[in-house]
Amino acid sequence: MRGTVAAAPAPQTGWWWAGGVLGAVVVGLLWRWRGALAVVAVAAGGVVAVWVVQSAGLAASPAEGVGVQVLARLWPLLTGVGVAAAGVVVAFRKVDVLLGILGACLAVMVGVGDSAVFRYGTLAGPEWGRWAVAVALAAGIGLTVAGGVRWYQATGTAESAQNHEAAESDVATNA
């Protein structure tokens, strides 16, 4: 077979970053709705996991099979699967701090870690790789913020209740 390799034009890097940040703001504003955050976590984790596996399949060769390529991408894959699993758990239980921590892992491991796809014209993987990284960046930062706000409000309310009970017991003791 014969062919030529031509350089592809680089994408508009700023637009990809702006989209990721705007998406993070939108996801962060969903902090009041646990069900919506669960859906975002499952969807973002699923997109990342599928992207990692499809990238491994495209990079496989006769010498190195898909298994070797998946192992080379193990941490991003585990992060995507972990965020999706956390989304399922969040749908049924109140584990806001877990959602925030896994969101941060998604943003760092996949969003920022693979952000080089925003500046290169050709990708080593599926054509929709930029979208997967932008989703990971947006969902990861947004879930971190939303999980942190939910956790802060839950602990702030619990501390206020304890302080109120302590004040009531002091009043009852002094009376």
C-alpha atoms as a PDB file:
ATOM      1  CA  MET A   1       0.000   0.000   0.000  1.00  0.00           C
ATOM      2  CA  ARG A   2       1.079   3.514  -0.728  1.00  0.00           C
ATOM      3  CA  GLY A   3      -0.160   6.794   0.576  1.00  0.00           C
ATOM      4  CA  THR A   4       0.879  10.105   1.932  1.00  0.00           C
ATOM      5  CA  VAL A   5       0.847  11.546   5.379  1.00  0.00           C
ATOM      6  CA  ALA A   6      -0.189  15.163   5.575  1.00  0.00           C
ATOM      7  CA  ALA A   7      -0.216  17.318   8.655  1.00  0.00           C
ATOM      8  CA  ALA A   8      -3.675  18.234   9.888  1.00  0.00           C
ATOM      9  CA  PRO A   9      -4.321  21.760  11.069  1.00  0.00           C
ATOM     10  CA  ALA A  10      -4.245  22.239  14.819  1.00  0.00           C
ATOM     11  CA  PRO A  11      -7.613  22.802  16.477  1.00  0.00           C
ATOM     12  CA  GLN A  12      -8.604  26.040  18.188  1.00  0.00           C
ATOM     13  CA  THR A  13      -7.090  25.233  21.587  1.00  0.00           C
ATOM     14  CA  GLY A  14      -8.718  28.118  23.419  1.00  0.00           C
ATOM     15  CA  TRP A  15     -12.200  27.032  22.416  1.00  0.00           C
ATOM     16  CA  TRP A  16     -11.664  23.539  23.800  1.00  0.00           C
ATOM     17  CA  TRP A  17     -10.428  24.907  27.123  1.00  0.00           C
ATOM     18  CA  ALA A  18     -13.260  27.435  27.269  1.00  0.00           C
ATOM     19  CA  GLY A  19     -15.771  24.669  26.571  1.00  0.00           C
ATOM     20  CA  GLY A  20     -14.282  22.546  29.341  1.00  0.00           C
ATOM     21  CA  VAL A  21     -14.423  25.407  31.840  1.00  0.00           C
ATOM     22  CA  LEU A  22     -17.960  26.381  30.808  1.00  0.00           C
ATOM     23  CA  GLY A  23     -19.045  22.757  31.143  1.00  0.00           C
ATOM     24  CA  ALA A  24     -17.461  22.636  34.611  1.00  0.00           C
ATOM     25  CA  VAL A  25     -19.482  25.692  35.653  1.00  0.00           C
ATOM     26  CA  VAL A  26     -22.698  24.088  34.396  1.00  0.00           C
ATOM     27  CA  VAL A  27     -21.986  20.810  36.224  1.00  0.00           C
ATOM     28  CA  GLY A  28     -20.949  22.690  39.372  1.00  0.00           C
ATOM     29  CA  LEU A  29     -24.261  24.560  39.357  1.00  0.00           C
ATOM     30  CA  LEU A  30     -26.059  21.207  39.586  1.00  0.00           C
ATOM     31  CA  TRP A  31     -24.890  20.763  43.183  1.00  0.00           C
ATOM     32  CA  ARG A  32     -28.441  20.862  44.558  1.00  0.00           C
ATOM     33  CA  TRP A  33     -29.634  17.868  42.529  1.00  0.00           C
ATOM     34  CA  ARG A  34     -27.982  14.634  43.570  1.00  0.00           C
ATOM     35  CA  GLY A  35     -29.705  12.675  40.773  1.00  0.00           C
ATOM     36  CA  ALA A  36     -28.348  15.025  38.104  1.00  0.00           C
ATOM     37  CA  LEU A  37     -24.838  14.704  39.546  1.00  0.00           C
ATOM     38  CA  ALA A  38     -25.186  10.926  39.508  1.00  0.00           C
ATOM     39  CA  VAL A  39     -26.175  11.002  35.832  1.00  0.00           C
ATOM     40  CA  VAL A  40     -23.226  13.284  34.997  1.00  0.00           C
ATOM     41  CA  ALA A  41     -20.808  11.010  36.862  1.00  0.00           C
ATOM     42  CA  VAL A  42     -22.067   7.833  35.177  1.00  0.00           C
ATOM     43  CA  ALA A  43     -22.058   9.452  31.732  1.00  0.00           C
ATOM     44  CA  ALA A  44     -18.602  11.043  32.074  1.00  0.00           C
ATOM     45  CA  GLY A  45     -17.062   7.904  33.559  1.00  0.00           C
ATOM     46  CA  GLY A  46     -18.610   5.807  30.810  1.00  0.00           C
ATOM     47  CA  VAL A  47     -17.360   8.127  28.053  1.00  0.00           C
ATOM     48  CA  VAL A  48     -13.831   8.029  29.475  1.00  0.00           C
ATOM     49  CA  ALA A  49     -13.837   4.235  29.885  1.00  0.00           C
ATOM     50  CA  VAL A  50     -15.089   3.674  26.328  1.00  0.00           C
ATOM     51  CA  TRP A  51     -12.549   6.162  24.965  1.00  0.00           C
ATOM     52  CA  VAL A  52      -9.659   4.444  26.773  1.00  0.00           C
ATOM     53  CA  VAL A  53     -10.687   0.973  25.587  1.00  0.00           C
ATOM     54  CA  GLN A  54     -11.269   2.145  22.015  1.00  0.00           C
ATOM     55  CA  SER A  55      -7.875   3.899  22.025  1.00  0.00           C
ATOM     56  CA  ALA A  56      -6.264   0.692  23.246  1.00  0.00           C
ATOM     57  CA  GLY A  57      -7.960  -1.256  20.463  1.00  0.00           C
ATOM     58  CA  LEU A  58      -6.700   1.164  17.818  1.00  0.00           C
ATOM     59  CA  ALA A  59      -3.151   1.080  19.207  1.00  0.00           C
ATOM     60  CA  ALA A  60      -2.955  -2.717  19.402  1.00  0.00           C
ATOM     61  CA  SER A  61      -0.548  -4.500  17.125  1.00  0.00           C
ATOM     62  CA  PRO A  62       0.260  -8.171  16.509  1.00  0.00           C
ATOM     63  CA  ALA A  63       3.208  -7.862  18.886  1.00  0.00           C
ATOM     64  CA  GLU A  64       1.227  -6.084  21.617  1.00  0.00           C
ATOM     65  CA  GLY A  65      -2.400  -7.049  21.927  1.00  0.00           C
ATOM     66  CA  VAL A  66      -5.282  -5.058  23.316  1.00  0.00           C
ATOM     67  CA  GLY A  67      -4.575  -6.292  26.852  1.00  0.00           C
ATOM     68  CA  VAL A  68      -1.117  -4.706  26.878  1.00  0.00           C
ATOM     69  CA  GLN A  69      -2.532  -1.448  25.539  1.00  0.00           C
ATOM     70  CA  VAL A  70      -5.289  -1.432  28.168  1.00  0.00           C
ATOM     71  CA  LEU A  71      -2.694  -1.987  30.902  1.00  0.00           C
ATOM     72  CA  ALA A  72      -0.723   0.958  29.527  1.00  0.00           C
ATOM     73  CA  ARG A  73      -3.860   3.069  30.039  1.00  0.00           C
ATOM     74  CA  LEU A  74      -4.881   1.473  33.342  1.00  0.00           C
ATOM     75  CA  TRP A  75      -5.134   4.573  35.550  1.00  0.00           C
ATOM     76  CA  PRO A  76      -7.347   6.594  33.213  1.00  0.00           C
ATOM     77  CA  LEU A  77      -9.501   3.496  32.706  1.00  0.00           C
ATOM     78  CA  LEU A  78      -9.831   2.872  36.454  1.00  0.00           C
ATOM     79  CA  THR A  79     -10.619   6.539  36.978  1.00  0.00           C
ATOM     80  CA  GLY A  80     -13.425   6.447  34.423  1.00  0.00           C
ATOM     81  CA  VAL A  81     -14.863   3.229  35.840  1.00  0.00           C
ATOM     82  CA  GLY A  82     -14.526   4.582  39.388  1.00  0.00           C
ATOM     83  CA  VAL A  83     -16.377   7.788  38.566  1.00  0.00           C
ATOM     84  CA  ALA A  84     -19.158   5.832  36.847  1.00  0.00           C
ATOM     85  CA  ALA A  85     -19.429   3.527  39.876  1.00  0.00           C
ATOM     86  CA  ALA A  86     -19.467   6.536  42.214  1.00  0.00           C
ATOM     87  CA  GLY A  87     -22.313   7.972  40.165  1.00  0.00           C
ATOM     88  CA  VAL A  88     -24.332   4.809  40.751  1.00  0.00           C
ATOM     89  CA  VAL A  89     -23.551   4.912  44.479  1.00  0.00           C
ATOM     90  CA  VAL A  90     -24.425   8.625  44.712  1.00  0.00           C
ATOM     91  CA  ALA A  91     -27.832   7.891  43.197  1.00  0.00           C
ATOM     92  CA  PHE A  92     -28.680   5.742  46.229  1.00  0.00           C
ATOM     93  CA  ARG A  93     -26.509   7.085  49.062  1.00  0.00           C
ATOM     94  CA  LYS A  94     -25.226  10.429  50.210  1.00  0.00           C
ATOM     95  CA  VAL A  95     -21.468  10.179  49.575  1.00  0.00           C
ATOM     96  CA  ASP A  96     -20.707  13.708  48.449  1.00  0.00           C
ATOM     97  CA  VAL A  97     -17.067  13.706  49.503  1.00  0.00           C
ATOM     98  CA  LEU A  98     -16.449  10.575  47.401  1.00  0.00           C
ATOM     99  CA  LEU A  99     -17.995  12.292  44.398  1.00  0.00           C
ATOM    100  CA  GLY A 100     -15.758  15.323  44.921  1.00  0.00           C
ATOM    101  CA  ILE A 101     -12.583  13.257  45.255  1.00  0.00           C
ATOM    102  CA  LEU A 102     -13.303  11.113  42.201  1.00  0.00           C
ATOM    103  CA  GLY A 103     -14.263  14.210  40.239  1.00  0.00           C
ATOM    104  CA  ALA A 104     -10.853  15.679  41.054  1.00  0.00           C
ATOM    105  CA  CYS A 105      -9.186  12.442  39.942  1.00  0.00           C
ATOM    106  CA  LEU A 106     -11.111  12.554  36.652  1.00  0.00           C
ATOM    107  CA  ALA A 107     -10.161  16.189  36.050  1.00  0.00           C
ATOM    108  CA  VAL A 108      -6.477  15.600  36.795  1.00  0.00           C
ATOM    109  CA  MET A 109      -5.906  12.084  35.401  1.00  0.00           C
ATOM    110  CA  VAL A 110      -7.863  12.446  32.175  1.00  0.00           C
ATOM    111  CA  GLY A 111      -8.880  16.082  31.717  1.00  0.00           C
ATOM    112  CA  VAL A 112      -5.591  17.833  32.397  1.00  0.00           C
ATOM    113  CA  GLY A 113      -3.448  14.734  31.883  1.00  0.00           C
ATOM    114  CA  ASP A 114      -4.619  14.253  28.303  1.00  0.00           C
ATOM    115  CA  SER A 115      -5.217  17.916  27.449  1.00  0.00           C
ATOM    116  CA  ALA A 116      -2.496  17.770  24.789  1.00  0.00           C
ATOM    117  CA  VAL A 117      -5.222  16.532  22.423  1.00  0.00           C
ATOM    118  CA  PHE A 118      -6.513  20.113  22.396  1.00  0.00           C
ATOM    119  CA  ARG A 119      -3.430  21.404  20.596  1.00  0.00           C
ATOM    120  CA  TYR A 120      -2.526  18.667  18.116  1.00  0.00           C
ATOM    121  CA  GLY A 121      -4.131  18.260  14.714  1.00  0.00           C
ATOM    122  CA  THR A 122      -4.033  14.465  14.663  1.00  0.00           C
ATOM    123  CA  LEU A 123      -4.948  12.139  17.476  1.00  0.00           C
ATOM    124  CA  ALA A 124      -3.673   8.716  18.430  1.00  0.00           C
ATOM    125  CA  GLY A 125      -7.079   7.252  19.070  1.00  0.00           C
ATOM    126  CA  PRO A 126     -10.681   7.751  18.107  1.00  0.00           C
ATOM    127  CA  GLU A 127     -11.707  10.931  16.330  1.00  0.00           C
ATOM    128  CA  TRP A 128     -13.873  11.956  19.257  1.00  0.00           C
ATOM    129  CA  GLY A 129     -10.931  11.905  21.696  1.00  0.00           C
ATOM    130  CA  ARG A 130     -11.000  15.692  22.166  1.00  0.00           C
ATOM    131  CA  TRP A 131     -14.628  15.474  23.188  1.00  0.00           C
ATOM    132  CA  ALA A 132     -13.851  12.729  25.715  1.00  0.00           C
ATOM    133  CA  VAL A 133     -11.092  14.806  27.296  1.00  0.00           C
ATOM    134  CA  ALA A 134     -13.296  17.926  27.347  1.00  0.00           C
ATOM    135  CA  VAL A 135     -16.076  15.915  29.018  1.00  0.00           C
ATOM    136  CA  ALA A 136     -13.610  14.555  31.579  1.00  0.00           C
ATOM    137  CA  LEU A 137     -12.289  18.039  32.304  1.00  0.00           C
ATOM    138  CA  ALA A 138     -15.735  19.624  32.604  1.00  0.00           C
ATOM    139  CA  ALA A 139     -17.350  16.814  34.564  1.00  0.00           C
ATOM    140  CA  GLY A 140     -14.317  16.321  36.801  1.00  0.00           C
ATOM    141  CA  ILE A 141     -14.002  19.949  37.863  1.00  0.00           C
ATOM    142  CA  GLY A 142     -17.777  20.352  38.125  1.00  0.00           C
ATOM    143  CA  LEU A 143     -18.217  17.207  40.224  1.00  0.00           C
ATOM    144  CA  THR A 144     -15.367  18.297  42.481  1.00  0.00           C
ATOM    145  CA  VAL A 145     -17.007  21.661  43.112  1.00  0.00           C
ATOM    146  CA  ALA A 146     -20.519  20.210  43.486  1.00  0.00           C
ATOM    147  CA  GLY A 147     -19.352  17.398  45.774  1.00  0.00           C
ATOM    148  CA  GLY A 148     -17.369  19.864  47.878  1.00  0.00           C
ATOM    149  CA  VAL A 149     -20.305  22.261  48.233  1.00  0.00           C
ATOM    150  CA  ARG A 150     -22.683  19.423  49.133  1.00  0.00           C
ATOM    151  CA  TRP A 151     -20.223  18.018  51.654  1.00  0.00           C
ATOM    152  CA  TYR A 152     -19.565  21.448  53.184  1.00  0.00           C
ATOM    153  CA  GLN A 153     -23.266  22.139  53.548  1.00  0.00           C
ATOM    154  CA  ALA A 154     -23.890  18.721  55.092  1.00  0.00           C
ATOM    155  CA  THR A 155     -21.086  19.115  57.651  1.00  0.00           C
ATOM    156  CA  GLY A 156     -21.968  22.760  58.320  1.00  0.00           C
ATOM    157  CA  THR A 157     -25.556  21.769  59.102  1.00  0.00           C
ATOM    158  CA  ALA A 158     -24.436  18.942  61.370  1.00  0.00           C
ATOM    159  CA  GLU A 159     -22.066  21.228  63.277  1.00  0.00           C
ATOM    160  CA  SER A 160     -24.794  23.854  63.671  1.00  0.00           C
ATOM    161  CA  ALA A 161     -27.159  21.228  65.091  1.00  0.00           C
ATOM    162  CA  GLN A 162     -24.517  20.049  67.565  1.00  0.00           C
ATOM    163  CA  ASN A 163     -23.766  23.619  68.652  1.00  0.00           C
ATOM    164  CA  HIS A 164     -27.492  24.288  69.053  1.00  0.00           C
ATOM    165  CA  GLU A 165     -27.943  21.146  71.193  1.00  0.00           C
ATOM    166  CA  ALA A 166     -24.917  22.105  73.323  1.00  0.00           C
ATOM    167  CA  ALA A 167     -26.311  25.597  73.841  1.00  0.00           C
ATOM    168  CA  GLU A 168     -29.710  24.174  74.846  1.00  0.00           C
ATOM    169  CA  SER A 169     -28.113  21.798  77.363  1.00  0.00           C
ATOM    170  CA  ASP A 170     -26.093  24.711  78.847  1.00  0.00           C
ATOM    171  CA  VAL A 171     -29.280  26.746  79.242  1.00  0.00           C
ATOM    172  CA  ALA A 172     -31.067  23.809  80.876  1.00  0.00           C
ATOM    173  CA  THR A 173     -28.124  23.252  83.255  1.00  0.00           C
ATOM    174  CA  ASN A 174     -27.946  26.905  84.286  1.00  0.00           C
ATOM    175  CA  ALA A 175     -31.698  27.170  84.865  1.00  0.00           C
END
